[in-house]
Protein backbone atom coordinates (compact mmCIF):
# COMPACT_ATOMS: atom_id res chain seq x y z
CA MET A 1 42.44 -117.38 -9.07
CA ALA A 2 39.98 -118.22 -6.31
CA ARG A 3 38.25 -121.55 -6.77
CA SER A 4 34.88 -120.48 -5.36
CA GLY A 5 33.20 -119.04 -8.44
CA PHE A 6 36.59 -118.76 -10.20
CA THR A 7 37.12 -115.11 -9.45
CA VAL A 8 40.11 -114.00 -11.53
CA GLU A 9 42.64 -111.44 -10.34
CA THR A 10 45.45 -110.31 -12.61
CA LEU A 11 48.74 -109.47 -10.91
CA SER A 12 51.99 -108.19 -12.41
CA THR A 13 55.46 -107.62 -11.00
CA TYR A 14 55.47 -104.17 -12.58
CA ASN A 15 52.64 -101.82 -13.46
CA THR A 16 54.01 -100.67 -16.77
CA THR A 17 53.12 -100.94 -20.43
CA GLY A 18 56.58 -100.03 -21.69
CA ARG A 19 59.74 -102.08 -21.99
CA LEU A 20 61.41 -102.91 -18.68
CA PRO A 21 64.93 -101.62 -17.97
CA LYS A 22 67.56 -104.35 -17.75
CA ILE A 23 68.00 -103.95 -13.99
CA LYS A 24 64.28 -104.50 -13.40
CA LYS A 25 64.34 -107.57 -15.60
CA LEU A 26 67.16 -108.99 -13.51
CA LEU A 27 65.30 -108.28 -10.26
CA ALA A 28 61.92 -109.55 -11.51
CA PRO A 29 62.36 -113.19 -10.33
CA LEU A 30 62.99 -111.98 -6.76
CA LEU A 31 60.31 -109.29 -6.76
CA SER A 32 57.71 -111.77 -7.97
CA LEU A 33 58.02 -113.59 -4.64
CA LYS A 34 55.93 -110.82 -3.02
CA PHE A 35 52.85 -112.61 -4.36
CA LEU A 36 53.44 -115.49 -1.95
CA LYS A 37 52.03 -113.35 0.88
CA THR A 38 48.70 -112.88 -0.89
CA LEU A 39 47.99 -116.52 -1.73
CA ASP A 40 45.43 -118.75 -0.06
CA LYS A 41 46.78 -122.29 -0.31
CA GLN A 42 43.34 -123.82 0.16
CA ASN A 43 41.45 -121.79 -2.45
CA ASP A 44 43.83 -120.30 -4.97
CA ILE A 45 45.11 -121.58 -8.29
CA VAL A 46 48.02 -119.59 -9.70
CA VAL A 47 48.05 -119.24 -13.49
CA LEU A 48 51.27 -118.14 -15.19
CA ASN A 49 52.11 -117.56 -18.84
CA SER A 50 55.21 -119.15 -20.34
CA THR A 51 56.11 -115.94 -22.21
CA THR A 52 56.99 -114.43 -18.81
CA GLY A 53 58.84 -117.53 -17.62
CA LEU A 54 62.10 -115.69 -16.97
CA TYR A 55 60.34 -113.36 -14.51
CA TYR A 56 58.39 -116.02 -12.59
CA ILE A 57 60.52 -119.16 -12.74
CA LEU A 58 61.67 -118.84 -9.10
CA LEU A 59 58.09 -118.20 -7.93
CA SER A 60 56.88 -121.22 -9.87
CA PHE A 61 59.36 -123.59 -8.21
CA ILE A 62 58.47 -122.28 -4.74
CA LEU A 63 54.76 -122.66 -5.44
CA LYS A 64 55.40 -126.25 -6.43
CA LEU A 65 57.32 -126.91 -3.21
CA LYS A 66 54.50 -125.35 -1.18
CA ARG A 67 51.98 -127.51 -3.06
CA ILE A 68 49.98 -124.50 -4.19
CA PRO A 69 48.18 -125.51 -7.40
CA THR A 70 49.73 -123.83 -10.42
CA VAL A 71 49.05 -123.81 -14.13
CA ILE A 72 51.48 -122.59 -16.77
CA ILE A 73 49.81 -121.67 -20.05
CA HIS A 74 52.10 -122.46 -22.97
CA HIS A 75 51.00 -121.13 -26.35
CA HIS A 76 54.21 -121.75 -28.25
CA TYR A 77 57.97 -122.13 -27.92
CA LEU A 78 59.66 -118.75 -28.31
CA TYR A 79 63.12 -120.30 -28.74
CA LYS A 80 62.19 -121.52 -32.22
CA GLU A 81 62.03 -117.90 -33.39
CA PHE A 82 65.69 -117.25 -32.56
CA LYS A 83 69.09 -118.56 -33.59
CA GLY A 84 72.48 -119.16 -31.99
CA PHE A 85 73.16 -118.39 -28.33
CA LYS A 86 69.84 -116.58 -27.79
CA GLN A 87 67.98 -119.65 -29.00
CA LYS A 88 69.89 -121.89 -26.57
CA VAL A 89 69.13 -119.58 -23.64
CA TYR A 90 65.42 -119.35 -24.45
CA HIS A 91 65.25 -123.11 -25.02
CA CYS A 92 66.76 -123.82 -21.60
CA VAL A 93 64.64 -121.26 -19.72
CA GLU A 94 61.35 -122.26 -21.36
CA ASN A 95 61.78 -125.95 -20.62
CA LEU A 96 62.99 -125.28 -17.09
CA PHE A 97 59.95 -123.10 -16.46
CA LEU A 98 57.61 -125.77 -17.82
CA LYS A 99 59.23 -128.40 -15.62
CA SER A 100 58.47 -126.24 -12.59
CA ALA A 101 54.74 -126.36 -13.32
CA ALA A 102 52.36 -128.59 -11.42
CA ASN A 103 50.13 -128.39 -14.50
CA ILE A 104 50.79 -127.27 -18.08
CA LEU A 105 47.91 -126.00 -20.20
CA THR A 106 48.08 -125.45 -23.95
CA PRO A 107 45.52 -124.47 -26.60
CA SER A 108 47.39 -126.29 -29.38
CA PRO A 109 47.56 -130.03 -30.14
CA TYR A 110 50.87 -129.35 -31.89
CA ILE A 111 52.36 -127.68 -28.80
CA LYS A 112 50.97 -130.45 -26.60
CA ASP A 113 52.91 -133.01 -28.66
CA LEU A 114 55.99 -130.79 -28.65
CA ILE A 115 55.93 -130.43 -24.85
CA ASN A 116 55.86 -134.20 -24.55
CA GLN A 117 58.87 -134.48 -26.88
CA GLU A 118 60.82 -131.69 -25.14
CA ILE A 119 60.37 -132.54 -21.44
CA ASN A 120 58.52 -135.88 -21.49
CA ARG A 121 55.50 -134.37 -19.74
CA ASP A 122 51.83 -134.64 -20.53
CA SER A 123 49.85 -131.41 -20.64
CA LEU A 124 46.23 -130.34 -20.49
CA LEU A 125 44.62 -129.34 -23.79
CA LEU A 126 42.05 -126.54 -23.89
CA PRO A 127 41.68 -125.62 -27.58
CA ILE A 128 41.05 -122.11 -28.82
CA PRO A 129 37.30 -121.67 -29.42
CA PHE A 130 35.88 -120.29 -32.65
CA GLU A 131 32.71 -118.30 -33.07
CA ARG A 132 30.29 -119.71 -35.63
CA LEU A 133 30.14 -116.97 -38.23
CA VAL A 134 27.06 -115.49 -39.81
CA ILE A 135 28.53 -114.59 -43.19
CA GLY A 136 25.67 -112.36 -44.30
CA GLN A 137 25.47 -111.28 -47.94
CA GLU A 138 27.22 -113.82 -50.14
CA ARG A 139 29.60 -112.48 -52.76
CA SER A 140 31.07 -114.02 -55.88
CA VAL A 141 34.57 -115.48 -55.73
CA GLU A 142 37.14 -113.74 -57.92
CA LYS A 143 39.03 -116.50 -59.70
CA GLY A 144 42.78 -116.16 -59.12
CA ARG A 145 42.43 -113.86 -56.11
CA LEU A 146 44.85 -115.09 -53.46
CA LEU A 147 44.66 -113.99 -49.84
CA TYR A 148 47.20 -113.89 -47.01
CA ILE A 149 46.32 -112.71 -43.48
CA GLY A 150 49.10 -112.26 -40.95
CA THR A 151 52.02 -110.10 -39.94
CA ILE A 152 54.80 -109.12 -42.32
CA GLU A 153 57.99 -110.61 -40.89
CA PRO A 154 60.52 -113.28 -41.99
CA ARG A 155 58.88 -116.07 -39.96
CA LYS A 156 55.77 -115.78 -42.12
CA GLY A 157 57.64 -116.72 -45.30
CA LEU A 158 56.16 -114.06 -47.58
CA ASP A 159 59.34 -113.93 -49.65
CA LEU A 160 58.81 -117.61 -50.48
CA LEU A 161 55.20 -116.90 -51.43
CA ILE A 162 56.19 -114.06 -53.75
CA THR A 163 58.82 -116.26 -55.41
CA ALA A 164 56.34 -119.13 -55.74
CA LEU A 165 53.78 -116.81 -57.31
CA ASN A 166 56.37 -115.85 -59.93
CA LEU A 167 56.86 -119.58 -60.70
CA THR A 168 53.18 -120.20 -61.50
CA GLU A 169 52.23 -120.84 -65.12
CA LYS A 170 50.75 -117.36 -65.62
CA PRO A 171 51.75 -115.04 -62.75
CA GLN A 172 49.88 -112.14 -64.33
CA ASP A 173 46.59 -114.03 -63.87
CA TYR A 174 46.86 -113.83 -60.08
CA GLU A 175 46.08 -111.04 -57.66
CA LEU A 176 47.59 -111.43 -54.19
CA HIS A 177 46.04 -109.53 -51.28
CA ILE A 178 48.09 -109.19 -48.10
CA VAL A 179 46.31 -108.18 -44.89
CA GLY A 180 48.30 -107.45 -41.73
CA LYS A 181 50.70 -105.06 -40.08
CA THR A 182 54.40 -104.76 -40.84
CA ARG A 183 56.58 -105.84 -37.93
CA MET A 184 59.89 -105.53 -39.74
CA PRO A 185 60.12 -102.58 -42.21
CA GLU A 186 63.37 -103.88 -43.72
CA TYR A 187 61.70 -107.19 -44.56
CA LYS A 188 58.77 -105.30 -46.13
CA LYS A 189 61.25 -103.43 -48.34
CA TYR A 190 62.72 -106.75 -49.43
CA ILE A 191 59.25 -108.06 -50.28
CA ASP A 192 58.52 -104.89 -52.26
CA SER A 193 61.73 -105.32 -54.24
CA LEU A 194 60.77 -108.90 -55.16
CA ILE A 195 57.32 -107.78 -56.26
CA ASN A 196 58.82 -105.06 -58.45
CA ASP A 197 61.41 -107.42 -59.94
CA TYR A 198 58.77 -110.00 -60.83
CA GLN A 199 56.14 -107.42 -61.84
CA LEU A 200 53.43 -109.13 -59.79
CA ASN A 201 50.00 -107.85 -58.87
CA VAL A 202 50.16 -107.58 -55.07
CA ILE A 203 47.99 -105.35 -52.89
CA PHE A 204 48.87 -104.52 -49.27
CA HIS A 205 45.89 -103.63 -47.12
CA GLY A 206 47.39 -103.22 -43.67
CA PHE A 207 44.58 -103.28 -41.10
CA LEU A 208 41.01 -103.81 -42.34
CA SER A 209 37.68 -103.34 -40.59
CA ASP A 210 35.66 -106.50 -39.93
CA GLU A 211 33.26 -105.55 -42.72
CA ASP A 212 35.99 -105.00 -45.30
CA LEU A 213 37.88 -108.13 -44.26
CA ASN A 214 34.68 -110.17 -44.47
CA GLU A 215 34.13 -108.99 -48.04
CA LEU A 216 37.75 -109.65 -49.06
CA ILE A 217 37.70 -113.20 -47.66
CA GLN A 218 34.42 -113.99 -49.41
CA THR A 219 35.68 -112.80 -52.78
CA SER A 220 39.04 -114.58 -52.50
CA ASP A 221 39.72 -117.84 -54.30
CA VAL A 222 42.48 -119.43 -52.23
CA PHE A 223 44.09 -118.72 -48.85
CA VAL A 224 47.88 -118.87 -49.11
CA PHE A 225 49.80 -119.19 -45.85
CA PRO A 226 53.56 -119.73 -46.31
CA SER A 227 54.47 -119.43 -42.62
CA LEU A 228 57.56 -121.30 -41.43
CA LEU A 229 56.49 -121.55 -37.79
CA GLU A 230 53.09 -121.46 -36.08
CA GLY A 231 51.93 -122.60 -32.68
CA PHE A 232 48.33 -122.86 -33.81
CA GLY A 233 47.54 -121.08 -37.09
CA MET A 234 44.41 -119.08 -36.21
CA ALA A 235 43.93 -117.56 -39.65
CA ILE A 236 43.94 -120.98 -41.35
CA ASN A 237 40.97 -122.08 -39.27
CA GLU A 238 39.09 -118.78 -39.43
CA VAL A 239 38.96 -118.57 -43.23
CA LYS A 240 37.56 -122.10 -43.48
CA PHE A 241 34.21 -120.83 -42.23
CA TYR A 242 34.07 -118.97 -45.54
CA GLY A 243 34.93 -122.09 -47.53
CA LEU A 244 38.44 -120.97 -48.45
CA PRO A 245 40.79 -123.86 -49.27
CA VAL A 246 44.30 -123.41 -47.86
CA ILE A 247 47.79 -123.84 -49.26
CA CYS A 248 50.55 -123.95 -46.64
CA PHE A 249 53.88 -125.58 -45.90
CA ASN A 250 53.93 -128.86 -44.00
CA ASN A 251 55.58 -127.63 -40.80
CA SER A 252 54.83 -126.88 -37.13
CA ALA A 253 51.07 -126.59 -36.48
CA MET A 254 49.92 -126.58 -40.11
CA PRO A 255 49.18 -130.33 -40.48
CA TYR A 256 47.05 -130.08 -37.34
CA SER A 257 44.75 -127.63 -39.15
CA THR A 258 44.89 -128.66 -42.82
CA THR A 259 44.53 -132.13 -44.29
CA ASP A 260 46.48 -132.49 -47.52
CA GLY A 261 44.18 -133.11 -50.47
CA TYR A 262 41.02 -132.64 -48.38
CA ASP A 263 40.60 -128.98 -47.44
CA GLY A 264 43.80 -127.72 -49.00
CA PHE A 265 47.37 -128.62 -49.87
CA LEU A 266 50.26 -129.22 -47.49
CA VAL A 267 53.41 -128.50 -49.47
CA LYS A 268 56.84 -129.80 -48.49
CA ASN A 269 58.48 -127.18 -46.27
CA LYS A 270 60.08 -124.32 -48.25
CA ASP A 271 59.29 -126.05 -51.57
CA ILE A 272 58.41 -122.96 -53.61
CA GLU A 273 57.94 -124.91 -56.84
CA GLY A 274 55.49 -127.21 -55.07
CA PHE A 275 53.69 -124.17 -53.68
CA ALA A 276 53.40 -122.68 -57.18
CA LYS A 277 51.97 -125.94 -58.55
CA ALA A 278 49.43 -126.07 -55.71
CA ILE A 279 48.26 -122.54 -56.54
CA ASP A 280 47.83 -123.44 -60.23
CA LYS A 281 46.01 -126.66 -59.35
CA LEU A 282 43.45 -125.05 -57.05
CA VAL A 283 42.74 -122.06 -59.27
CA GLN A 284 42.61 -123.93 -62.58
CA ASP A 285 40.80 -127.06 -61.40
CA ARG A 286 37.45 -125.69 -60.28
CA THR A 287 36.11 -129.14 -59.35
CA THR A 288 38.96 -129.66 -56.91
CA ARG A 289 38.53 -126.13 -55.61
CA ALA A 290 34.78 -126.66 -55.04
CA SER A 291 35.36 -129.96 -53.22
CA MET A 292 38.02 -128.48 -50.96
CA SER A 293 35.82 -125.45 -50.27
CA HIS A 294 33.02 -127.73 -49.08
CA ASN A 295 35.43 -129.73 -46.93
CA ALA A 296 36.85 -126.53 -45.41
CA ILE A 297 33.38 -125.58 -44.17
CA VAL A 298 32.87 -129.09 -42.76
CA LYS A 299 36.19 -128.78 -40.92
CA ALA A 300 35.32 -125.30 -39.62
CA ASN A 301 31.97 -126.40 -38.21
CA ALA A 302 33.73 -129.17 -36.28
CA LEU A 303 36.11 -126.73 -34.56
CA TYR A 304 35.95 -126.14 -30.82
CA SER A 305 33.08 -123.82 -29.86
CA PHE A 306 32.78 -121.24 -27.07
CA GLU A 307 30.20 -123.48 -25.39
CA ASN A 308 32.74 -126.32 -25.38
CA PHE A 309 35.37 -123.96 -24.02
CA ASN A 310 33.22 -122.63 -21.18
CA ASN A 311 32.14 -126.07 -20.05
CA ASP A 312 35.58 -127.67 -20.32
CA SER A 313 37.47 -124.79 -18.69
CA VAL A 314 35.21 -124.87 -15.60
CA SER A 315 35.61 -128.65 -15.39
CA LEU A 316 39.38 -128.46 -15.90
CA PHE A 317 40.07 -125.85 -13.23
CA SER A 318 37.65 -127.48 -10.80
CA ASN A 319 39.77 -130.61 -10.82
CA ILE A 320 43.20 -128.98 -10.59
CA GLY A 321 44.88 -129.61 -7.27
CA LYS A 322 42.45 -132.30 -6.15
């Protein structure tokens, strides 16, 4: 990244969109050193992404030794998605890569706090900006219509949501809409079996156009997000522009986006009975639902804007390396 005018050039060790063979993965740390020849120490800032830490960890340490300004963008910790030996390896590599950085940049207050806990380092915060929505034609909310937006995989906790829905006072009064692609077909089959066993009214939409998604969000009553791990929780913030109160578990990034009792409910992690009670409370108590809907919009309008992002990003990168 050249400082004069912030011209951005994207470079990659390999020009490929497919999965890398194992031998190329092993050679990647060495091959990435070819970029050293192209760098201008006086004018360049090198920006790396933590998801490719294994490939560029050697380059990052050398850049630090050469005092070439570097920034590692860290969206989330991948190691938390794994278990056993693989988790230990990812944990070690991610933290080692972050320690090699002259500067660490994150879009998430939760990850910023986590970085400090993990490696005792402060990091730069540049939040994700949100576009102020023009909702257009307003539509009536369908009481009892629950909405989930996200991928279908174990980390998202949909099996807990389905079980919680079955524990509500009158499960047949609810209609759950699930929007998002299936990442793990076997997990989807498991979800389907739970739905059939409990005889619940659940509709899978897969991908929706912006127009159809807009209509579905507007007509939904409550946003249910049972995820077990999030670095930011984009969907939670996006639906608040529509005035949707949120029910989620109190883990990872969720308490950074939702205030319990204000714009939704933060339920004890994996407490499916508590989740069921929160659903009943929000749907049956329309006064509480209306208050939380109003507060959700207030929260949404206070989110980081693109104007904030543009101004702060220029200021941030202008001061790196000085």
